C-alpha cells in the first residue's frame, strides 16, 4: 500500500510553490505586510488562477471537488511563503455550504466562492476556542446579537460564516443591517483579523446544532496545522542554508557542533509532523471516526513544534534573526497566531481527551 502523496498532489504543491516564489519575494511580502490591511490584487489573482478558492467547492457548483488533504497541501505551501492570502475562511465556508443541504444558499454562494467572486470571513472562534470576556453570539428569530472576536480573513469579506453560542452556523452579509466591523491588530501582519458586533442582524441559518461546527473546527485545525508546518519548514530551510554560508572565527558556522545540533533537533522534531498533518487531513474525509482526535493532535503538536522551530531557527541567525532585514519574523509571528486560532494547544488536547472518552465534556 502506498502512503505517499499522489503524483497529482505533488505536482500541484510544486506548482503552487513556484508561483508563490515568483509573485511573493521578500520585498513584495514586506510591502504588503506594511499596509493597513494585508492583501494584494496581483498575489490574489495568481493564486486564484491555480484554483485555490474552488478546492472544496463541489464540481456541480463550478468547483474542483477536492479533498481536505488537498486543501491542507495548499495551506502548507501558503504557510511556507507566509502568503497574505485569505484561504482558510473561504475554504471552510465552501465546506459548510456543500454539506448544508440548503440548495438556495449553495446556488447563491458556492459558484461565487469557486470563481473568487465572493470572499468570506470566519467567525467561529467564540465557540471553537472557548468563550472570551464580553464575547458570544445568540440567535433568535433569524437574527444574531452579540460579539464575535478574532474573525479570520475579515478584511474585504463579502459575507461571514458565524457560529452562535449553540454551535449553529449562519451566513451574514457584510452589509447586513445591525452589523459593525472593527479591524483588530495582531502579531501576524500577513493576515487580517477583525471583530464583529451584531445588533438584531439578519442571518441565514445553514446548520443547526454543534455537528457542523465540530466538522469545521476539525478541518480548520488541520489547515492551520498545515500552515504552521509550512512556515516552520521554511524557517528551518533558511536556517540551514545560512549555516552553510555564514562564517565566524574563520569557519562556516555549520561546522560548529552546537549549530549542527540546533539544526538536527529542528529537523528531527518537524519531520514526523508532516505525516501527522497529512493523516489528520486524510481522516477528515476517509475516517470520520478519527477526525476530531487526529485534528486535535495535529493542531496541538504543531503549535508546540512550530514554536520550537521558530525560536531555534532564529537563534541560528544570531542577532540579525530578530531584525526586519531577513523577514523571519513574518513566519515567527504567523506561527504564533496559528497557535491560538481555533483553540490553543490546551483546548485542542482537552477536545482530544473528550473524543477518547477519558473525560466528559462537562468535566473540563
Protein backbone atom coordinates (compact mmCIF):
# COMPACT_ATOMS: atom_id res chain seq x y z
CA UNK A 1 0.00 0.00 0.00
CA UNK A 2 1.30 3.46 -0.95
CA UNK A 3 1.00 6.05 1.82
CA UNK A 4 2.72 8.84 -0.15
CA UNK A 5 1.06 11.71 -1.95
CA UNK A 6 -0.24 11.06 -5.43
CA UNK A 7 1.62 12.42 -8.44
CA UNK A 8 -1.15 14.98 -8.97
CA UNK A 9 -0.88 16.20 -5.40
CA UNK A 10 2.90 16.51 -5.63
CA UNK A 11 2.66 18.35 -8.94
CA UNK A 12 0.04 20.74 -7.53
CA UNK A 13 2.13 21.57 -4.48
CA UNK A 14 5.22 22.12 -6.61
CA UNK A 15 3.29 24.40 -8.97
CA UNK A 16 1.86 26.38 -6.08
CA UNK A 17 5.30 26.71 -4.51
CA UNK A 18 6.83 28.03 -7.74
CA UNK A 19 4.00 30.52 -8.16
CA UNK A 20 4.48 31.81 -4.63
CA UNK A 21 8.24 32.14 -5.17
CA UNK A 22 7.54 34.20 -8.28
CA UNK A 23 4.83 36.55 -7.05
CA UNK A 24 5.85 36.88 -3.41
CA UNK A 25 9.57 37.60 -2.94
CA UNK A 26 10.52 39.03 0.44
CA UNK A 27 10.42 42.62 -0.79
CA UNK A 28 6.85 42.16 -2.01
CA UNK A 29 5.77 40.44 1.20
CA UNK A 30 7.24 43.24 3.26
CA UNK A 31 5.40 45.88 1.24
CA UNK A 32 2.08 44.03 1.62
CA UNK A 33 2.55 43.41 5.35
CA UNK A 34 3.28 47.09 5.95
CA UNK A 35 -0.17 48.06 4.67
CA UNK A 36 -3.11 48.64 6.99
CA UNK A 37 -4.74 45.51 5.56
CA UNK A 38 -2.52 42.71 4.22
CA UNK A 39 -3.76 41.98 0.71
CA UNK A 40 -2.54 42.37 -2.85
CA UNK A 41 -4.52 42.02 -6.07
CA UNK A 42 -1.63 40.53 -8.05
CA UNK A 43 -0.96 37.82 -5.46
CA UNK A 44 -4.67 37.03 -5.17
CA UNK A 45 -5.06 36.77 -8.93
CA UNK A 46 -2.09 34.42 -9.35
CA UNK A 47 -3.36 32.08 -6.62
CA UNK A 48 -6.97 32.29 -7.79
CA UNK A 49 -5.85 31.15 -11.25
CA UNK A 50 -4.48 27.98 -9.66
CA UNK A 51 -7.98 27.22 -8.35
CA UNK A 52 -7.41 27.67 -4.62
CA UNK A 53 -10.86 29.18 -3.90
CA UNK A 54 -12.54 26.28 -5.73
CA UNK A 55 -10.76 23.41 -4.00
CA UNK A 56 -13.55 22.40 -1.59
CA UNK A 57 -16.44 23.57 -3.77
CA UNK A 58 -18.30 20.61 -5.36
CA UNK A 59 -17.95 20.23 -9.13
CA UNK A 60 -21.70 20.71 -9.53
CA UNK A 61 -21.24 24.34 -8.44
CA UNK A 62 -18.18 25.08 -10.54
CA UNK A 63 -15.57 23.89 -8.07
CA UNK A 64 -12.85 21.26 -8.11
CA UNK A 65 -14.41 18.95 -5.51
CA UNK A 66 -11.06 18.08 -3.94
CA UNK A 67 -10.34 16.59 -0.52
CA UNK A 68 -9.35 18.16 2.78
CA UNK A 69 -5.89 16.65 2.28
CA UNK A 70 -5.55 18.59 -0.97
CA UNK A 71 -6.57 21.77 0.86
CA UNK A 72 -4.03 21.02 3.59
CA UNK A 73 -1.27 20.74 0.98
CA UNK A 74 -2.25 24.18 -0.31
CA UNK A 75 -2.27 25.54 3.23
CA UNK A 76 1.20 24.11 3.83
CA UNK A 77 2.57 25.87 0.75
CA UNK A 78 0.89 29.15 1.75
CA UNK A 79 2.39 28.87 5.22
CA UNK A 80 5.84 28.26 3.85
CA UNK A 81 5.60 31.50 1.88
CA UNK A 82 3.74 33.30 4.72
CA UNK A 83 1.36 34.34 1.97
CA UNK A 84 -1.15 37.12 2.77
CA UNK A 85 -3.96 35.22 1.08
CA UNK A 86 -7.44 34.57 2.59
CA UNK A 87 -7.66 30.81 2.06
CA UNK A 88 -8.90 29.15 5.25
CA UNK A 89 -12.11 31.12 5.83
CA UNK A 90 -13.47 30.69 2.30
CA UNK A 91 -12.42 27.02 2.21
CA UNK A 92 -14.30 26.25 5.42
CA UNK A 93 -17.34 28.22 4.25
CA UNK A 94 -17.40 26.25 1.00
CA UNK A 95 -17.28 23.03 3.01
CA UNK A 96 -20.07 24.15 5.34
CA UNK A 97 -22.30 25.16 2.44
CA UNK A 98 -21.57 21.98 0.47
CA UNK A 99 -22.65 19.85 3.43
CA UNK A 100 -25.60 22.02 4.49
CA UNK A 101 -28.17 20.68 2.03
CA UNK A 102 -29.55 24.19 1.50
CA UNK A 103 -29.79 24.38 -2.29
CA UNK A 104 -30.72 28.04 -2.37
CA UNK A 105 -27.68 29.14 -0.38
CA UNK A 106 -25.45 26.71 -2.26
CA UNK A 107 -26.60 28.12 -5.60
CA UNK A 108 -26.14 31.67 -4.34
CA UNK A 109 -22.67 31.39 -2.80
CA UNK A 110 -20.73 28.34 -3.98
CA UNK A 111 -20.24 29.44 -7.62
CA UNK A 112 -19.09 32.84 -6.37
CA UNK A 113 -16.58 31.25 -3.98
CA UNK A 114 -15.28 28.96 -6.73
CA UNK A 115 -14.86 31.89 -9.11
CA UNK A 116 -13.20 34.10 -6.48
CA UNK A 117 -16.13 36.49 -6.79
CA UNK A 118 -17.01 36.29 -3.09
CA UNK A 119 -14.73 36.28 -0.08
CA UNK A 120 -15.76 35.08 3.38
CA UNK A 121 -14.62 35.83 6.90
CA UNK A 122 -14.67 33.10 9.55
CA UNK A 123 -16.36 33.95 12.85
CA UNK A 124 -16.47 30.65 14.77
CA UNK A 125 -13.76 31.35 17.32
CA UNK A 126 -16.08 32.11 20.24
CA UNK A 127 -17.32 28.53 20.37
CA UNK A 128 -14.42 26.50 18.96
CA UNK A 129 -11.74 28.26 21.03
CA UNK A 130 -13.69 28.88 24.23
CA UNK A 131 -15.72 31.84 25.42
CA UNK A 132 -14.00 35.19 25.95
CA UNK A 133 -14.98 38.11 28.13
CA UNK A 134 -17.84 40.03 26.51
CA UNK A 135 -17.86 37.60 23.59
CA UNK A 136 -20.57 35.30 22.28
CA UNK A 137 -23.41 35.42 19.78
CA UNK A 138 -27.05 34.47 20.37
CA UNK A 139 -29.60 33.68 17.67
CA UNK A 140 -33.30 34.47 17.76
CA UNK A 141 -35.90 34.70 15.03
CA UNK A 142 -33.43 34.72 12.15
CA UNK A 143 -31.23 37.41 13.67
CA UNK A 144 -27.96 37.49 15.64
CA UNK A 145 -26.97 39.58 18.63
CA UNK A 146 -23.60 39.72 20.37
CA UNK A 147 -19.89 39.93 19.54
CA UNK A 148 -17.55 37.62 17.67
CA UNK A 149 -13.85 38.18 18.24
CA UNK A 150 -10.80 37.21 16.18
CA UNK A 151 -12.68 36.81 12.92
CA UNK A 152 -10.22 35.36 10.41
CA UNK A 153 -9.85 36.89 6.92
CA UNK A 154 -12.16 39.72 7.90
CA UNK A 155 -10.73 42.38 5.61
CA UNK A 156 -12.61 42.73 2.35
CA UNK A 157 -15.05 39.92 3.16
CA UNK A 158 -18.34 39.96 1.28
CA UNK A 159 -20.01 37.81 3.94
CA UNK A 160 -19.19 35.97 7.16
CA UNK A 161 -19.68 32.45 8.41
CA UNK A 162 -20.77 32.87 12.03
CA UNK A 163 -21.26 30.36 14.83
CA UNK A 164 -23.70 31.21 17.62
CA UNK A 165 -23.43 30.03 21.22
CA UNK A 166 -25.29 26.79 20.47
CA UNK A 167 -22.90 25.85 17.67
CA UNK A 168 -25.34 26.61 14.85
CA UNK A 169 -23.82 28.16 11.73
CA UNK A 170 -25.12 31.24 9.92
CA UNK A 171 -24.17 33.36 6.94
CA UNK A 172 -24.27 37.12 7.39
CA UNK A 173 -23.76 39.54 4.52
CA UNK A 174 -21.06 42.14 5.11
CA UNK A 175 -23.55 44.95 4.51
CA UNK A 176 -26.28 43.47 6.73
CA UNK A 177 -28.28 45.79 8.94
CA UNK A 178 -27.00 46.00 12.51
CA UNK A 179 -23.53 44.62 11.70
CA UNK A 180 -20.49 46.57 12.87
CA UNK A 181 -17.00 45.56 11.75
CA UNK A 182 -13.80 46.50 13.54
CA UNK A 183 -10.27 45.65 12.44
CA UNK A 184 -8.03 44.11 15.11
CA UNK A 185 -4.24 44.31 15.31
CA UNK A 186 -2.40 41.04 15.95
CA UNK A 187 1.22 40.00 15.89
CA UNK A 188 0.71 38.48 12.42
CA UNK A 189 0.92 41.15 9.71
CA UNK A 190 0.18 38.66 6.92
CA UNK A 191 -3.43 38.02 7.94
CA UNK A 192 -6.44 40.22 8.58
CA UNK A 193 -8.34 39.67 11.81
CA UNK A 194 -11.42 41.53 12.94
CA UNK A 195 -14.29 41.79 15.39
CA UNK A 196 -17.99 41.67 14.54
CA UNK A 197 -20.80 43.19 16.60
CA UNK A 198 -24.36 42.06 15.86
CA UNK A 199 -27.48 44.02 16.77
CA UNK A 200 -30.53 42.07 15.60
CA UNK A 201 -28.60 41.37 12.42
CA UNK A 202 -30.35 39.25 9.75
CA UNK A 203 -28.65 35.88 9.23
CA UNK A 204 -29.24 32.80 7.08
CA UNK A 205 -29.09 29.56 9.06
CA UNK A 206 -27.15 26.80 7.31
CA UNK A 207 -26.54 24.28 10.12
CA UNK A 208 -28.33 23.56 13.40
CA UNK A 209 -26.64 22.09 16.44
CA UNK A 210 -22.94 21.58 17.10
CA UNK A 211 -22.23 18.91 14.45
CA UNK A 212 -21.49 21.35 11.65
CA UNK A 213 -19.26 23.46 13.88
CA UNK A 214 -17.40 20.36 15.06
CA UNK A 215 -16.71 19.44 11.45
CA UNK A 216 -15.46 22.93 10.59
CA UNK A 217 -13.28 23.10 13.70
CA UNK A 218 -11.65 19.78 12.88
CA UNK A 219 -10.95 20.69 9.26
CA UNK A 220 -9.85 24.19 10.24
CA UNK A 221 -7.39 22.80 12.75
CA UNK A 222 -5.89 20.59 10.05
CA UNK A 223 -5.47 23.54 7.71
CA UNK A 224 -3.91 25.68 10.43
CA UNK A 225 -1.56 22.87 11.46
CA UNK A 226 -0.53 22.52 7.81
CA UNK A 227 0.10 26.27 7.62
CA UNK A 228 2.33 26.04 10.70
CA UNK A 229 4.15 23.06 9.19
CA UNK A 230 4.92 25.06 6.06
CA UNK A 231 6.01 28.17 7.96
CA UNK A 232 8.28 26.15 10.25
CA UNK A 233 9.79 24.22 7.34
CA UNK A 234 10.53 27.49 5.57
CA UNK A 235 12.31 28.85 8.66
CA UNK A 236 14.31 25.64 9.06
CA UNK A 237 15.39 25.64 5.41
CA UNK A 238 16.58 29.23 5.67
CA UNK A 239 18.48 28.50 8.87
CA UNK A 240 20.27 25.52 7.33
CA UNK A 241 21.17 27.50 4.21
CA UNK A 242 22.51 30.34 6.35
CA UNK A 243 24.60 27.92 8.44
CA UNK A 244 26.23 26.64 5.24
CA UNK A 245 27.43 30.09 4.16
CA UNK A 246 27.90 32.26 7.24
CA UNK A 247 31.48 32.40 8.54
CA UNK A 248 32.57 33.13 12.10
CA UNK A 249 36.08 32.85 13.53
CA UNK A 250 37.28 31.84 10.09
CA UNK A 251 34.92 28.87 9.80
CA UNK A 252 31.47 28.14 8.36
CA UNK A 253 29.14 28.21 11.37
CA UNK A 254 27.51 24.99 10.18
CA UNK A 255 30.76 23.21 11.06
CA UNK A 256 30.29 24.02 14.75
CA UNK A 257 28.83 21.18 16.77
CA UNK A 258 26.36 23.43 18.58
CA UNK A 259 24.87 24.76 15.34
CA UNK A 260 24.67 21.25 13.89
CA UNK A 261 22.73 20.13 16.95
CA UNK A 262 20.28 23.02 16.64
CA UNK A 263 19.51 22.22 13.01
CA UNK A 264 19.34 18.47 13.61
CA UNK A 265 16.97 18.89 16.54
CA UNK A 266 14.64 21.09 14.49
CA UNK A 267 14.59 18.58 11.63
CA UNK A 268 14.05 15.64 13.98
CA UNK A 269 11.04 17.31 15.60
CA UNK A 270 9.49 18.70 12.43
CA UNK A 271 9.75 15.78 10.00
CA UNK A 272 7.29 13.47 11.84
CA UNK A 273 4.78 16.32 11.88
CA UNK A 274 4.32 16.03 8.14
CA UNK A 275 2.79 12.56 8.31
CA UNK A 276 0.74 13.62 11.35
CA UNK A 277 -0.81 16.55 9.47
CA UNK A 278 -1.36 14.57 6.28
CA UNK A 279 -3.05 11.73 8.16
CA UNK A 280 -5.26 14.11 10.12
CA UNK A 281 -6.35 15.82 6.90
CA UNK A 282 -6.94 12.46 5.20
CA UNK A 283 -9.07 11.32 8.15
CA UNK A 284 -11.46 14.25 7.73
CA UNK A 285 -12.90 12.61 4.61
CA UNK A 286 -11.92 8.94 4.86
CA UNK A 287 -12.02 8.18 8.60
CA UNK A 288 -14.71 10.35 10.23
CA UNK A 289 -14.50 8.37 13.48
CA UNK A 290 -10.90 9.63 13.86
CA UNK A 291 -11.45 13.15 12.56
CA UNK A 292 -11.72 15.05 15.85
CA UNK A 293 -8.92 13.17 17.59
CA UNK A 294 -6.38 13.43 14.78
CA UNK A 295 -7.18 17.09 14.11
CA UNK A 296 -6.75 17.94 17.79
CA UNK A 297 -3.44 16.06 17.98
CA UNK A 298 -2.14 17.74 14.83
CA UNK A 299 -3.15 21.24 15.97
CA UNK A 300 -1.68 20.87 19.46
CA UNK A 301 1.55 19.17 18.43
CA UNK A 302 2.29 21.52 15.53
CA UNK A 303 1.68 24.51 17.81
CA UNK A 304 4.45 23.31 20.13
CA UNK A 305 6.87 22.10 17.47
CA UNK A 306 6.29 25.21 15.36
CA UNK A 307 7.08 27.41 18.33
CA UNK A 308 10.31 25.47 18.97
CA UNK A 309 11.43 25.69 15.32
CA UNK A 310 10.56 29.39 15.10
CA UNK A 311 12.66 30.19 18.18
CA UNK A 312 15.56 27.88 17.36
CA UNK A 313 15.90 28.83 13.69
CA UNK A 314 16.02 32.48 14.72
CA UNK A 315 18.84 31.62 17.14
CA UNK A 316 20.87 30.12 14.28
CA UNK A 317 20.92 33.55 12.65
CA UNK A 318 22.07 35.22 15.86
CA UNK A 319 21.19 38.87 16.45
CA UNK A 320 20.28 39.50 12.81
CA UNK A 321 17.47 36.95 13.05
CA UNK A 322 15.19 39.27 15.01
CA UNK A 323 15.59 42.22 12.66
CA UNK A 324 13.36 43.18 9.75
CA UNK A 325 16.23 42.65 7.32
CA UNK A 326 15.64 38.92 6.85
CA UNK A 327 11.87 38.85 7.31
CA UNK A 328 11.97 35.77 9.55
CA UNK A 329 9.59 37.49 11.92
CA UNK A 330 6.70 37.13 9.46
CA UNK A 331 6.81 33.35 9.78
CA UNK A 332 7.64 33.56 13.51
CA UNK A 333 4.54 35.63 14.22
CA UNK A 334 2.33 33.64 11.86
CA UNK A 335 3.21 30.51 13.82
CA UNK A 336 2.34 32.42 16.99
CA UNK A 337 -1.13 33.37 15.74
CA UNK A 338 -1.73 29.86 14.41
CA UNK A 339 -1.08 28.56 17.91
CA UNK A 340 -4.19 30.37 19.16
CA UNK A 341 -6.58 30.11 16.19
CA UNK A 342 -9.44 27.64 16.72
CA UNK A 343 -8.09 26.70 20.11
CA UNK A 344 -4.71 26.85 21.84
CA UNK A 345 -2.90 23.52 22.48
CA UNK A 346 -4.60 23.18 25.86
CA UNK A 347 -8.03 23.45 24.27
CA UNK A 348 -7.12 21.01 21.48
CA UNK A 349 -5.82 18.46 23.99
CA UNK A 350 -8.98 18.88 26.02
CA UNK A 351 -11.02 18.06 22.91
CA UNK A 352 -8.80 15.03 22.26
CA UNK A 353 -9.41 13.79 25.79
CA UNK A 354 -13.16 14.17 25.33
CA UNK A 355 -13.04 12.39 21.96
CA UNK A 356 -11.27 9.43 23.53
CA UNK A 357 -13.70 9.24 26.45
CA UNK A 358 -11.09 9.97 29.08
CA UNK A 359 -13.29 12.76 30.43
CA UNK A 360 -16.74 14.07 29.63
CA UNK A 361 -17.23 17.45 28.06
CA UNK A 362 -18.74 18.73 31.32
CA UNK A 363 -15.64 17.81 33.35
CA UNK A 364 -13.19 20.11 31.57
